[in-house]
Amino acid sequence: MEVIKTAIEDVLIIEPKVFGDKRGYFFESFSQREFDEKVSPILGHTINFVQDNESMSTYGVMRGLHFQRPPYTQSKLVRCVKGAVLDVAVDIRKGSPTYGQHVAVELTEENHRQFFVPRGFAHGFAVLSETAVFQYKCDEFYHPEVDGGISILDESLGIDWKIPTEKANLSDKDTKHFLLKDFKSPFDVTVDLYK
């Protein structure tokens, strides 16, 4: 696999090695050994995933921008196994030089790319295809009592979601998140969120 660094430290794009022939294709979608060998040295620590999630959504669905508060904050390794999404990670660590900045990447069933979203980031995606099946690996279990979010429609974030706002389909919960300017982050860049 190839690990691609982005404009924000520790936010990574991962491209698996795909073997294809006239029958189709094969690739390892996840190998803990290879992740430890290639990603952990970049991060400076290991990641142990404990929960896998999957969602199916239709065109225009926007999910996010979600995170879990300490002490149950999560890293995510995400991919789109059917269709196409625009996936986004927003830095919400107080004191970070990239606070409020984001990385966006298209994840599709054709490119097989994966996106690593570290702890201290809000995560969301928009469905660009007719339907999309999306998978998440998380390094902490889901804890609804510490669920949090910032507004996915916050224009100050400068995210081009690649779908018209009038076509956006959001949950009631996701329409109630704070704008970044009104948000009090539970994360601090000086705190190691992996201890």
N, C-alpha and C. Protein backbone atom coordinates (compact mmCIF):
# COMPACT_ATOMS: atom_id res chain seq x y z
N MET A 1 0.84 -1.19 0.00
CA MET A 1 0.00 0.00 0.00
C MET A 1 0.88 1.25 0.00
N GLU A 2 0.30 2.33 -0.53
CA GLU A 2 1.01 3.60 -0.54
C GLU A 2 0.32 4.54 0.43
N VAL A 3 1.12 5.25 1.25
CA VAL A 3 0.59 6.21 2.20
C VAL A 3 0.92 7.61 1.68
N ILE A 4 -0.12 8.43 1.52
CA ILE A 4 0.04 9.77 0.97
C ILE A 4 -0.24 10.78 2.08
N LYS A 5 0.75 11.61 2.38
CA LYS A 5 0.54 12.67 3.37
C LYS A 5 -0.27 13.79 2.74
N THR A 6 -1.01 14.50 3.58
CA THR A 6 -1.85 15.61 3.12
C THR A 6 -1.32 16.91 3.71
N ALA A 7 -2.06 18.00 3.47
CA ALA A 7 -1.65 19.32 3.96
C ALA A 7 -1.73 19.43 5.49
N ILE A 8 -2.44 18.51 6.13
CA ILE A 8 -2.54 18.53 7.60
C ILE A 8 -1.86 17.29 8.14
N GLU A 9 -0.96 17.49 9.08
CA GLU A 9 -0.19 16.39 9.65
C GLU A 9 -1.09 15.29 10.21
N ASP A 10 -0.72 14.06 9.92
CA ASP A 10 -1.39 12.84 10.40
C ASP A 10 -2.72 12.53 9.72
N VAL A 11 -3.22 13.42 8.87
CA VAL A 11 -4.37 13.09 8.03
C VAL A 11 -3.81 12.45 6.77
N LEU A 12 -4.16 11.20 6.53
CA LEU A 12 -3.48 10.42 5.50
C LEU A 12 -4.45 9.79 4.51
N ILE A 13 -4.01 9.70 3.27
CA ILE A 13 -4.72 8.95 2.24
C ILE A 13 -3.94 7.66 2.02
N ILE A 14 -4.65 6.56 1.98
CA ILE A 14 -4.00 5.25 1.82
C ILE A 14 -4.53 4.61 0.55
N GLU A 15 -3.61 4.21 -0.32
CA GLU A 15 -3.98 3.53 -1.56
C GLU A 15 -3.48 2.09 -1.50
N PRO A 16 -4.38 1.13 -1.51
CA PRO A 16 -3.95 -0.27 -1.48
C PRO A 16 -3.38 -0.69 -2.83
N LYS A 17 -2.59 -1.73 -2.82
CA LYS A 17 -2.11 -2.31 -4.07
C LYS A 17 -3.19 -3.25 -4.59
N VAL A 18 -3.70 -2.94 -5.78
CA VAL A 18 -4.82 -3.69 -6.35
C VAL A 18 -4.29 -4.59 -7.46
N PHE A 19 -4.66 -5.86 -7.41
CA PHE A 19 -4.29 -6.83 -8.44
C PHE A 19 -5.53 -7.10 -9.28
N GLY A 20 -5.43 -6.80 -10.58
CA GLY A 20 -6.58 -6.99 -11.44
C GLY A 20 -6.26 -7.82 -12.67
N ASP A 21 -7.24 -8.52 -13.17
CA ASP A 21 -7.13 -9.23 -14.44
C ASP A 21 -8.54 -9.33 -15.03
N LYS A 22 -8.70 -10.15 -16.06
CA LYS A 22 -9.99 -10.23 -16.74
C LYS A 22 -11.12 -10.72 -15.83
N ARG A 23 -10.78 -11.35 -14.71
CA ARG A 23 -11.80 -11.84 -13.78
C ARG A 23 -12.32 -10.77 -12.84
N GLY A 24 -11.52 -9.71 -12.65
CA GLY A 24 -11.89 -8.68 -11.69
C GLY A 24 -10.66 -8.18 -10.96
N TYR A 25 -10.77 -8.01 -9.66
CA TYR A 25 -9.63 -7.51 -8.90
C TYR A 25 -9.60 -8.15 -7.51
N PHE A 26 -8.43 -7.98 -6.85
CA PHE A 26 -8.24 -8.41 -5.46
C PHE A 26 -7.31 -7.41 -4.80
N PHE A 27 -7.61 -7.07 -3.54
CA PHE A 27 -6.65 -6.31 -2.73
C PHE A 27 -6.94 -6.55 -1.26
N GLU A 28 -5.90 -6.36 -0.45
CA GLU A 28 -6.08 -6.42 1.00
C GLU A 28 -6.65 -5.07 1.44
N SER A 29 -7.87 -5.07 1.93
CA SER A 29 -8.48 -3.81 2.35
C SER A 29 -7.91 -3.33 3.69
N PHE A 30 -7.41 -4.26 4.49
CA PHE A 30 -6.73 -3.87 5.73
C PHE A 30 -5.81 -4.98 6.18
N SER A 31 -4.60 -4.59 6.56
CA SER A 31 -3.63 -5.49 7.18
C SER A 31 -3.03 -4.76 8.37
N GLN A 32 -3.25 -5.28 9.58
CA GLN A 32 -2.69 -4.63 10.77
C GLN A 32 -1.17 -4.57 10.67
N ARG A 33 -0.55 -5.62 10.16
CA ARG A 33 0.90 -5.65 10.04
C ARG A 33 1.40 -4.52 9.12
N GLU A 34 0.77 -4.38 7.95
CA GLU A 34 1.21 -3.35 7.02
C GLU A 34 0.88 -1.95 7.55
N PHE A 35 -0.26 -1.80 8.20
CA PHE A 35 -0.62 -0.52 8.81
C PHE A 35 0.43 -0.13 9.85
N ASP A 36 0.83 -1.10 10.68
CA ASP A 36 1.85 -0.85 11.70
C ASP A 36 3.19 -0.48 11.08
N GLU A 37 3.53 -1.14 9.97
CA GLU A 37 4.83 -0.89 9.32
C GLU A 37 4.88 0.45 8.60
N LYS A 38 3.76 0.85 7.97
CA LYS A 38 3.81 2.03 7.10
C LYS A 38 3.14 3.28 7.69
N VAL A 39 2.11 3.10 8.50
CA VAL A 39 1.38 4.26 9.02
C VAL A 39 1.85 4.63 10.43
N SER A 40 2.03 3.65 11.28
CA SER A 40 2.41 3.94 12.68
C SER A 40 3.68 4.78 12.80
N PRO A 41 4.72 4.55 11.98
CA PRO A 41 5.90 5.41 12.08
C PRO A 41 5.60 6.88 11.75
N ILE A 42 4.68 7.13 10.85
CA ILE A 42 4.29 8.50 10.52
C ILE A 42 3.57 9.14 11.71
N LEU A 43 2.68 8.36 12.33
CA LEU A 43 1.88 8.88 13.45
C LEU A 43 2.67 8.95 14.76
N GLY A 44 3.66 8.08 14.89
CA GLY A 44 4.44 8.01 16.13
C GLY A 44 3.82 7.13 17.19
N HIS A 45 2.83 6.34 16.83
CA HIS A 45 2.17 5.42 17.75
C HIS A 45 1.36 4.42 16.93
N THR A 46 0.94 3.35 17.58
CA THR A 46 0.14 2.35 16.90
C THR A 46 -1.35 2.68 17.03
N ILE A 47 -2.12 2.12 16.13
CA ILE A 47 -3.58 2.26 16.15
C ILE A 47 -4.14 0.84 16.18
N ASN A 48 -5.05 0.60 17.11
CA ASN A 48 -5.72 -0.70 17.19
C ASN A 48 -7.21 -0.48 16.97
N PHE A 49 -7.70 -0.91 15.83
CA PHE A 49 -9.11 -0.74 15.52
C PHE A 49 -9.95 -1.77 16.26
N VAL A 50 -11.10 -1.32 16.80
CA VAL A 50 -11.92 -2.20 17.64
C VAL A 50 -13.36 -2.34 17.14
N GLN A 51 -13.75 -1.50 16.17
CA GLN A 51 -15.15 -1.54 15.73
C GLN A 51 -15.21 -1.17 14.26
N ASP A 52 -15.98 -1.93 13.48
CA ASP A 52 -16.24 -1.61 12.08
C ASP A 52 -17.70 -1.21 11.92
N ASN A 53 -17.94 -0.15 11.15
CA ASN A 53 -19.30 0.33 10.88
C ASN A 53 -19.51 0.41 9.38
N GLU A 54 -20.76 0.34 8.95
CA GLU A 54 -21.10 0.49 7.55
C GLU A 54 -22.39 1.27 7.42
N SER A 55 -22.44 2.18 6.44
CA SER A 55 -23.67 2.91 6.17
C SER A 55 -23.97 2.85 4.68
N MET A 56 -25.25 2.96 4.34
CA MET A 56 -25.68 3.08 2.95
C MET A 56 -26.47 4.37 2.87
N SER A 57 -26.17 5.18 1.86
CA SER A 57 -26.82 6.48 1.71
C SER A 57 -27.09 6.74 0.24
N THR A 58 -28.02 7.65 -0.03
CA THR A 58 -28.35 8.02 -1.39
C THR A 58 -27.77 9.40 -1.73
N TYR A 59 -27.84 9.76 -3.00
CA TYR A 59 -27.25 11.02 -3.47
C TYR A 59 -27.72 12.20 -2.62
N GLY A 60 -26.77 13.07 -2.27
CA GLY A 60 -27.08 14.28 -1.52
C GLY A 60 -27.06 14.12 -0.02
N VAL A 61 -27.01 12.88 0.47
CA VAL A 61 -26.91 12.69 1.92
C VAL A 61 -25.56 13.23 2.39
N MET A 62 -25.61 14.03 3.45
CA MET A 62 -24.41 14.56 4.08
C MET A 62 -24.43 14.11 5.54
N ARG A 63 -23.38 13.46 5.96
CA ARG A 63 -23.27 13.00 7.35
C ARG A 63 -22.09 13.69 8.00
N GLY A 64 -22.32 14.26 9.18
CA GLY A 64 -21.21 14.92 9.87
C GLY A 64 -21.60 16.32 10.31
N LEU A 65 -20.61 17.00 10.70
CA LEU A 65 -19.21 16.64 10.95
C LEU A 65 -19.10 16.12 12.38
N HIS A 66 -18.80 14.85 12.55
CA HIS A 66 -18.91 14.16 13.83
C HIS A 66 -17.57 13.91 14.49
N PHE A 67 -17.62 13.74 15.81
CA PHE A 67 -16.47 13.32 16.61
C PHE A 67 -16.99 12.79 17.94
N GLN A 68 -16.12 12.13 18.69
CA GLN A 68 -16.43 11.75 20.08
C GLN A 68 -15.48 12.51 21.00
N ARG A 69 -16.06 13.02 22.10
CA ARG A 69 -15.28 13.77 23.08
C ARG A 69 -14.42 12.82 23.93
N PRO A 70 -13.32 13.37 24.49
CA PRO A 70 -12.54 12.57 25.45
C PRO A 70 -13.42 12.15 26.62
N PRO A 71 -13.19 11.02 27.23
CA PRO A 71 -12.02 10.15 27.02
C PRO A 71 -12.24 9.09 25.94
N TYR A 72 -13.27 9.22 25.12
CA TYR A 72 -13.60 8.19 24.14
C TYR A 72 -13.44 8.68 22.70
N THR A 73 -12.48 9.56 22.48
CA THR A 73 -12.27 10.07 21.14
C THR A 73 -11.81 8.96 20.20
N GLN A 74 -12.08 9.14 18.90
CA GLN A 74 -11.84 8.08 17.92
C GLN A 74 -10.95 8.55 16.77
N SER A 75 -10.11 7.64 16.29
CA SER A 75 -9.53 7.74 14.95
C SER A 75 -10.40 6.88 14.05
N LYS A 76 -10.42 7.23 12.77
CA LYS A 76 -11.22 6.44 11.81
C LYS A 76 -10.39 6.17 10.56
N LEU A 77 -10.55 4.99 10.02
CA LEU A 77 -10.04 4.65 8.71
C LEU A 77 -11.26 4.33 7.87
N VAL A 78 -11.53 5.16 6.85
CA VAL A 78 -12.79 5.06 6.13
C VAL A 78 -12.55 4.77 4.66
N ARG A 79 -13.59 4.17 4.02
CA ARG A 79 -13.52 3.91 2.58
C ARG A 79 -14.92 3.76 2.03
N CYS A 80 -15.05 3.98 0.73
CA CYS A 80 -16.32 3.82 0.04
C CYS A 80 -16.23 2.56 -0.80
N VAL A 81 -17.08 1.57 -0.52
CA VAL A 81 -17.01 0.30 -1.24
C VAL A 81 -17.98 0.23 -2.40
N LYS A 82 -18.96 1.17 -2.43
CA LYS A 82 -19.88 1.25 -3.57
C LYS A 82 -20.23 2.71 -3.77
N GLY A 83 -20.11 3.19 -5.01
CA GLY A 83 -20.44 4.58 -5.30
C GLY A 83 -19.27 5.51 -5.05
N ALA A 84 -19.60 6.76 -4.69
CA ALA A 84 -18.57 7.80 -4.51
C ALA A 84 -19.02 8.79 -3.45
N VAL A 85 -18.06 9.21 -2.63
CA VAL A 85 -18.32 10.23 -1.62
C VAL A 85 -17.19 11.25 -1.62
N LEU A 86 -17.50 12.44 -1.15
CA LEU A 86 -16.47 13.40 -0.77
C LEU A 86 -16.32 13.28 0.73
N ASP A 87 -15.13 12.92 1.17
CA ASP A 87 -14.88 12.70 2.59
C ASP A 87 -14.01 13.82 3.13
N VAL A 88 -14.32 14.30 4.35
CA VAL A 88 -13.67 15.49 4.88
C VAL A 88 -13.28 15.29 6.34
N ALA A 89 -12.08 15.75 6.67
CA ALA A 89 -11.61 15.82 8.06
C ALA A 89 -11.30 17.27 8.38
N VAL A 90 -11.84 17.79 9.51
CA VAL A 90 -11.63 19.17 9.93
C VAL A 90 -10.88 19.15 11.26
N ASP A 91 -9.78 19.89 11.32
CA ASP A 91 -8.98 19.99 12.54
C ASP A 91 -9.73 20.85 13.56
N ILE A 92 -10.07 20.24 14.71
CA ILE A 92 -10.77 20.99 15.77
C ILE A 92 -9.99 20.97 17.08
N ARG A 93 -8.66 20.89 16.97
CA ARG A 93 -7.79 20.90 18.15
C ARG A 93 -7.40 22.35 18.48
N LYS A 94 -7.81 22.84 19.65
CA LYS A 94 -7.44 24.18 20.08
C LYS A 94 -5.91 24.31 20.06
N GLY A 95 -5.43 25.43 19.56
CA GLY A 95 -4.00 25.69 19.54
C GLY A 95 -3.27 25.10 18.34
N SER A 96 -3.97 24.34 17.51
CA SER A 96 -3.34 23.75 16.33
C SER A 96 -3.11 24.82 15.27
N PRO A 97 -1.96 24.80 14.59
CA PRO A 97 -1.74 25.77 13.51
C PRO A 97 -2.70 25.56 12.33
N THR A 98 -3.35 24.41 12.28
CA THR A 98 -4.30 24.14 11.20
C THR A 98 -5.75 24.08 11.72
N TYR A 99 -6.01 24.67 12.91
CA TYR A 99 -7.35 24.67 13.48
C TYR A 99 -8.35 25.25 12.48
N GLY A 100 -9.46 24.53 12.28
CA GLY A 100 -10.51 24.97 11.38
C GLY A 100 -10.24 24.66 9.91
N GLN A 101 -9.05 24.16 9.61
CA GLN A 101 -8.74 23.78 8.23
C GLN A 101 -9.17 22.34 7.98
N HIS A 102 -9.31 22.00 6.72
CA HIS A 102 -9.80 20.66 6.38
C HIS A 102 -9.00 20.03 5.25
N VAL A 103 -9.14 18.73 5.15
CA VAL A 103 -8.66 17.96 4.01
C VAL A 103 -9.88 17.25 3.45
N ALA A 104 -10.05 17.32 2.12
CA ALA A 104 -11.16 16.65 1.45
C ALA A 104 -10.59 15.71 0.40
N VAL A 105 -11.18 14.53 0.29
CA VAL A 105 -10.72 13.55 -0.69
C VAL A 105 -11.93 12.78 -1.22
N GLU A 106 -11.93 12.51 -2.52
CA GLU A 106 -12.98 11.67 -3.07
C GLU A 106 -12.60 10.21 -2.88
N LEU A 107 -13.51 9.47 -2.29
CA LEU A 107 -13.34 8.04 -2.10
C LEU A 107 -14.38 7.35 -2.98
N THR A 108 -13.93 6.44 -3.84
CA THR A 108 -14.85 5.78 -4.75
C THR A 108 -14.59 4.28 -4.79
N GLU A 109 -15.57 3.57 -5.31
CA GLU A 109 -15.38 2.13 -5.47
C GLU A 109 -14.32 1.84 -6.51
N GLU A 110 -14.04 2.78 -7.40
CA GLU A 110 -13.02 2.57 -8.42
C GLU A 110 -11.61 2.85 -7.91
N ASN A 111 -11.44 3.94 -7.12
CA ASN A 111 -10.07 4.28 -6.72
C ASN A 111 -9.61 3.52 -5.46
N HIS A 112 -10.54 2.90 -4.73
CA HIS A 112 -10.21 2.07 -3.56
C HIS A 112 -9.45 2.82 -2.47
N ARG A 113 -9.42 4.14 -2.56
CA ARG A 113 -8.68 4.91 -1.56
C ARG A 113 -9.33 4.80 -0.18
N GLN A 114 -8.48 4.93 0.84
CA GLN A 114 -8.93 5.00 2.22
C GLN A 114 -8.41 6.30 2.81
N PHE A 115 -9.08 6.76 3.84
CA PHE A 115 -8.76 8.05 4.45
C PHE A 115 -8.62 7.83 5.94
N PHE A 116 -7.46 8.23 6.49
CA PHE A 116 -7.24 8.10 7.93
C PHE A 116 -7.52 9.45 8.58
N VAL A 117 -8.49 9.46 9.50
CA VAL A 117 -8.89 10.67 10.23
C VAL A 117 -8.45 10.51 11.67
N PRO A 118 -7.47 11.30 12.13
CA PRO A 118 -6.96 11.14 13.50
C PRO A 118 -7.94 11.64 14.56
N ARG A 119 -7.63 11.33 15.78
CA ARG A 119 -8.37 11.88 16.92
C ARG A 119 -8.17 13.40 16.93
N GLY A 120 -9.20 14.11 17.38
CA GLY A 120 -9.12 15.57 17.41
C GLY A 120 -9.61 16.22 16.13
N PHE A 121 -10.22 15.43 15.26
CA PHE A 121 -10.76 15.93 14.00
C PHE A 121 -12.24 15.59 13.92
N ALA A 122 -13.00 16.50 13.30
CA ALA A 122 -14.40 16.22 12.98
C ALA A 122 -14.42 15.60 11.59
N HIS A 123 -15.32 14.64 11.39
CA HIS A 123 -15.35 13.88 10.14
C HIS A 123 -16.75 13.90 9.55
N GLY A 124 -16.81 14.02 8.23
CA GLY A 124 -18.09 13.96 7.55
C GLY A 124 -17.91 13.61 6.09
N PHE A 125 -19.03 13.30 5.43
CA PHE A 125 -18.97 13.02 4.00
C PHE A 125 -20.28 13.38 3.32
N ALA A 126 -20.17 13.58 1.99
CA ALA A 126 -21.33 13.84 1.14
C ALA A 126 -21.35 12.79 0.04
N VAL A 127 -22.54 12.27 -0.25
CA VAL A 127 -22.68 11.22 -1.26
C VAL A 127 -22.83 11.87 -2.64
N LEU A 128 -21.91 11.51 -3.55
CA LEU A 128 -21.88 12.09 -4.89
C LEU A 128 -22.52 11.19 -5.94
N SER A 129 -22.72 9.92 -5.61
CA SER A 129 -23.28 8.95 -6.55
C SER A 129 -24.74 8.67 -6.19
N GLU A 130 -25.40 7.89 -7.02
CA GLU A 130 -26.81 7.57 -6.76
C GLU A 130 -26.99 6.92 -5.39
N THR A 131 -26.13 5.98 -5.05
CA THR A 131 -26.06 5.40 -3.70
C THR A 131 -24.58 5.21 -3.36
N ALA A 132 -24.31 5.08 -2.07
CA ALA A 132 -22.94 4.82 -1.62
C ALA A 132 -22.99 3.93 -0.40
N VAL A 133 -22.10 2.96 -0.38
CA VAL A 133 -21.89 2.12 0.81
C VAL A 133 -20.52 2.52 1.36
N PHE A 134 -20.52 2.91 2.63
CA PHE A 134 -19.36 3.52 3.27
C PHE A 134 -18.99 2.70 4.49
N GLN A 135 -17.70 2.42 4.66
CA GLN A 135 -17.23 1.63 5.80
C GLN A 135 -16.24 2.43 6.64
N TYR A 136 -16.34 2.26 7.96
CA TYR A 136 -15.48 2.93 8.91
C TYR A 136 -14.82 1.88 9.81
N LYS A 137 -13.54 2.01 10.03
CA LYS A 137 -12.86 1.29 11.10
C LYS A 137 -12.58 2.33 12.18
N CYS A 138 -12.92 2.03 13.44
CA CYS A 138 -12.74 2.97 14.55
C CYS A 138 -11.84 2.36 15.61
N ASP A 139 -11.02 3.20 16.24
CA ASP A 139 -10.12 2.69 17.27
C ASP A 139 -10.67 2.88 18.69
N GLU A 140 -11.94 3.24 18.77
CA GLU A 140 -12.65 3.33 20.06
C GLU A 140 -14.10 2.96 19.78
N PHE A 141 -14.74 2.33 20.75
CA PHE A 141 -16.14 1.96 20.59
C PHE A 141 -17.03 3.21 20.57
N TYR A 142 -18.21 3.07 20.00
CA TYR A 142 -19.16 4.17 19.97
C TYR A 142 -19.71 4.41 21.37
N HIS A 143 -19.70 5.67 21.81
CA HIS A 143 -20.24 6.09 23.10
C HIS A 143 -21.19 7.26 22.85
N PRO A 144 -22.50 7.01 22.77
CA PRO A 144 -23.43 8.09 22.42
C PRO A 144 -23.40 9.27 23.39
N GLU A 145 -23.01 9.03 24.63
CA GLU A 145 -23.01 10.11 25.62
C GLU A 145 -21.93 11.16 25.36
N VAL A 146 -20.94 10.86 24.50
CA VAL A 146 -19.88 11.83 24.19
C VAL A 146 -19.88 12.20 22.70
N ASP A 147 -20.97 11.89 22.03
CA ASP A 147 -21.12 12.22 20.62
C ASP A 147 -21.13 13.73 20.45
N GLY A 148 -20.43 14.24 19.45
CA GLY A 148 -20.40 15.67 19.20
C GLY A 148 -20.33 15.98 17.72
N GLY A 149 -20.46 17.27 17.40
CA GLY A 149 -20.38 17.65 16.00
C GLY A 149 -20.28 19.14 15.82
N ILE A 150 -19.83 19.53 14.62
CA ILE A 150 -19.91 20.92 14.18
C ILE A 150 -20.69 20.92 12.88
N SER A 151 -21.23 22.07 12.52
CA SER A 151 -22.15 22.15 11.39
C SER A 151 -21.46 21.80 10.08
N ILE A 152 -22.05 20.86 9.37
CA ILE A 152 -21.53 20.44 8.08
C ILE A 152 -21.75 21.53 7.02
N LEU A 153 -22.65 22.46 7.29
CA LEU A 153 -22.96 23.54 6.35
C LEU A 153 -22.30 24.87 6.73
N ASP A 154 -21.35 24.83 7.66
CA ASP A 154 -20.64 26.04 8.08
C ASP A 154 -19.80 26.57 6.92
N GLU A 155 -20.23 27.68 6.34
CA GLU A 155 -19.53 28.24 5.18
C GLU A 155 -18.13 28.72 5.52
N SER A 156 -17.87 29.06 6.79
CA SER A 156 -16.54 29.54 7.17
C SER A 156 -15.47 28.46 7.02
N LEU A 157 -15.88 27.19 6.94
CA LEU A 157 -14.91 26.10 6.77
C LEU A 157 -14.38 26.04 5.34
N GLY A 158 -15.11 26.64 4.40
CA GLY A 158 -14.65 26.68 3.01
C GLY A 158 -14.67 25.34 2.30
N ILE A 159 -15.56 24.45 2.69
CA ILE A 159 -15.63 23.12 2.08
C ILE A 159 -16.56 23.16 0.87
N ASP A 160 -16.06 22.73 -0.27
CA ASP A 160 -16.91 22.55 -1.45
C ASP A 160 -17.39 21.11 -1.44
N TRP A 161 -18.62 20.92 -1.03
CA TRP A 161 -19.16 19.56 -0.88
C TRP A 161 -19.54 18.92 -2.21
N LYS A 162 -19.47 19.68 -3.30
CA LYS A 162 -19.72 19.17 -4.66
C LYS A 162 -21.18 18.75 -4.90
N ILE A 163 -22.07 19.20 -4.03
CA ILE A 163 -23.50 19.02 -4.28
C ILE A 163 -24.20 20.34 -3.93
N PRO A 164 -25.24 20.70 -4.67
CA PRO A 164 -25.95 21.95 -4.36
C PRO A 164 -26.61 21.85 -2.98
N THR A 165 -26.58 22.97 -2.25
CA THR A 165 -27.15 22.99 -0.89
C THR A 165 -28.61 22.54 -0.89
N GLU A 166 -29.36 22.93 -1.92
CA GLU A 166 -30.78 22.55 -1.96
C GLU A 166 -30.99 21.05 -2.16
N LYS A 167 -29.95 20.34 -2.58
CA LYS A 167 -30.03 18.88 -2.75
C LYS A 167 -29.51 18.14 -1.52
N ALA A 168 -28.97 18.87 -0.54
CA ALA A 168 -28.40 18.25 0.65
C ALA A 168 -29.49 17.59 1.49
N ASN A 169 -29.21 16.40 1.98
CA ASN A 169 -30.13 15.64 2.81
C ASN A 169 -29.43 15.34 4.13
N LEU A 170 -29.84 16.04 5.20
CA LEU A 170 -29.20 15.92 6.50
C LEU A 170 -30.17 15.37 7.53
N SER A 171 -29.63 14.69 8.53
CA SER A 171 -30.46 14.25 9.66
C SER A 171 -30.83 15.47 10.50
N ASP A 172 -31.90 15.35 11.28
CA ASP A 172 -32.27 16.44 12.19
C ASP A 172 -31.12 16.77 13.13
N LYS A 173 -30.44 15.75 13.63
CA LYS A 173 -29.33 15.96 14.56
C LYS A 173 -28.23 16.81 13.92
N ASP A 174 -27.93 16.52 12.65
CA ASP A 174 -26.83 17.23 12.00
C ASP A 174 -27.17 18.67 11.63
N THR A 175 -28.44 19.04 11.67
CA THR A 175 -28.81 20.44 11.41
C THR A 175 -28.67 21.31 12.66
N LYS A 176 -28.41 20.69 13.80
CA LYS A 176 -28.38 21.42 15.08
C LYS A 176 -26.97 21.66 15.62
N HIS A 177 -25.93 21.20 14.93
CA HIS A 177 -24.56 21.39 15.43
C HIS A 177 -24.15 22.86 15.34
N PHE A 178 -23.21 23.25 16.23
CA PHE A 178 -22.70 24.62 16.26
C PHE A 178 -21.86 24.93 15.02
N LEU A 179 -21.85 26.21 14.64
CA LEU A 179 -20.85 26.70 13.71
C LEU A 179 -19.50 26.70 14.42
N LEU A 180 -18.42 26.65 13.67
CA LEU A 180 -17.09 26.61 14.29
C LEU A 180 -16.86 27.81 15.20
N LYS A 181 -17.34 28.99 14.82
CA LYS A 181 -17.10 30.20 15.63
C LYS A 181 -17.78 30.13 17.00
N ASP A 182 -18.82 29.31 17.12
CA ASP A 182 -19.56 29.17 18.39
C ASP A 182 -19.21 27.89 19.13
N PHE A 183 -18.27 27.16 18.62
CA PHE A 183 -17.92 25.83 19.11
C PHE A 183 -16.80 25.91 20.14
N LYS A 184 -16.96 25.20 21.26
CA LYS A 184 -15.90 25.10 22.26
C LYS A 184 -15.29 23.71 22.17
N SER A 185 -14.11 23.65 21.62
CA SER A 185 -13.49 22.36 21.35
C SER A 185 -13.06 21.65 22.63
N PRO A 186 -13.33 20.34 22.72
CA PRO A 186 -12.85 19.55 23.87
C PRO A 186 -11.42 19.04 23.66
N PHE A 187 -10.80 19.40 22.53
CA PHE A 187 -9.47 18.90 22.19
C PHE A 187 -8.46 20.03 22.27
N ASP A 188 -7.25 19.69 22.68
CA ASP A 188 -6.15 20.65 22.76
C ASP A 188 -4.95 20.02 22.06
N VAL A 189 -4.31 20.78 21.20
CA VAL A 189 -3.19 20.25 20.43
C VAL A 189 -2.02 19.82 21.32
N THR A 190 -1.94 20.36 22.54
CA THR A 190 -0.83 20.02 23.44
C THR A 190 -1.08 18.71 24.19
N VAL A 191 -2.28 18.17 24.10
CA VAL A 191 -2.63 16.93 24.80
C VAL A 191 -2.53 15.74 23.85
N ASP A 192 -1.82 14.72 24.25
CA ASP A 192 -1.70 13.50 23.44
C ASP A 192 -3.00 12.72 23.59
N LEU A 193 -3.79 12.70 22.54
CA LEU A 193 -5.11 12.04 22.58
C LEU A 193 -5.00 10.52 22.50
N TYR A 194 -3.80 9.99 22.35
CA TYR A 194 -3.62 8.53 22.23
C TYR A 194 -3.10 7.92 23.51
N LYS A 195 -3.02 8.68 24.59
CA LYS A 195 -2.58 8.10 25.88
C LYS A 195 -3.77 7.76 26.72
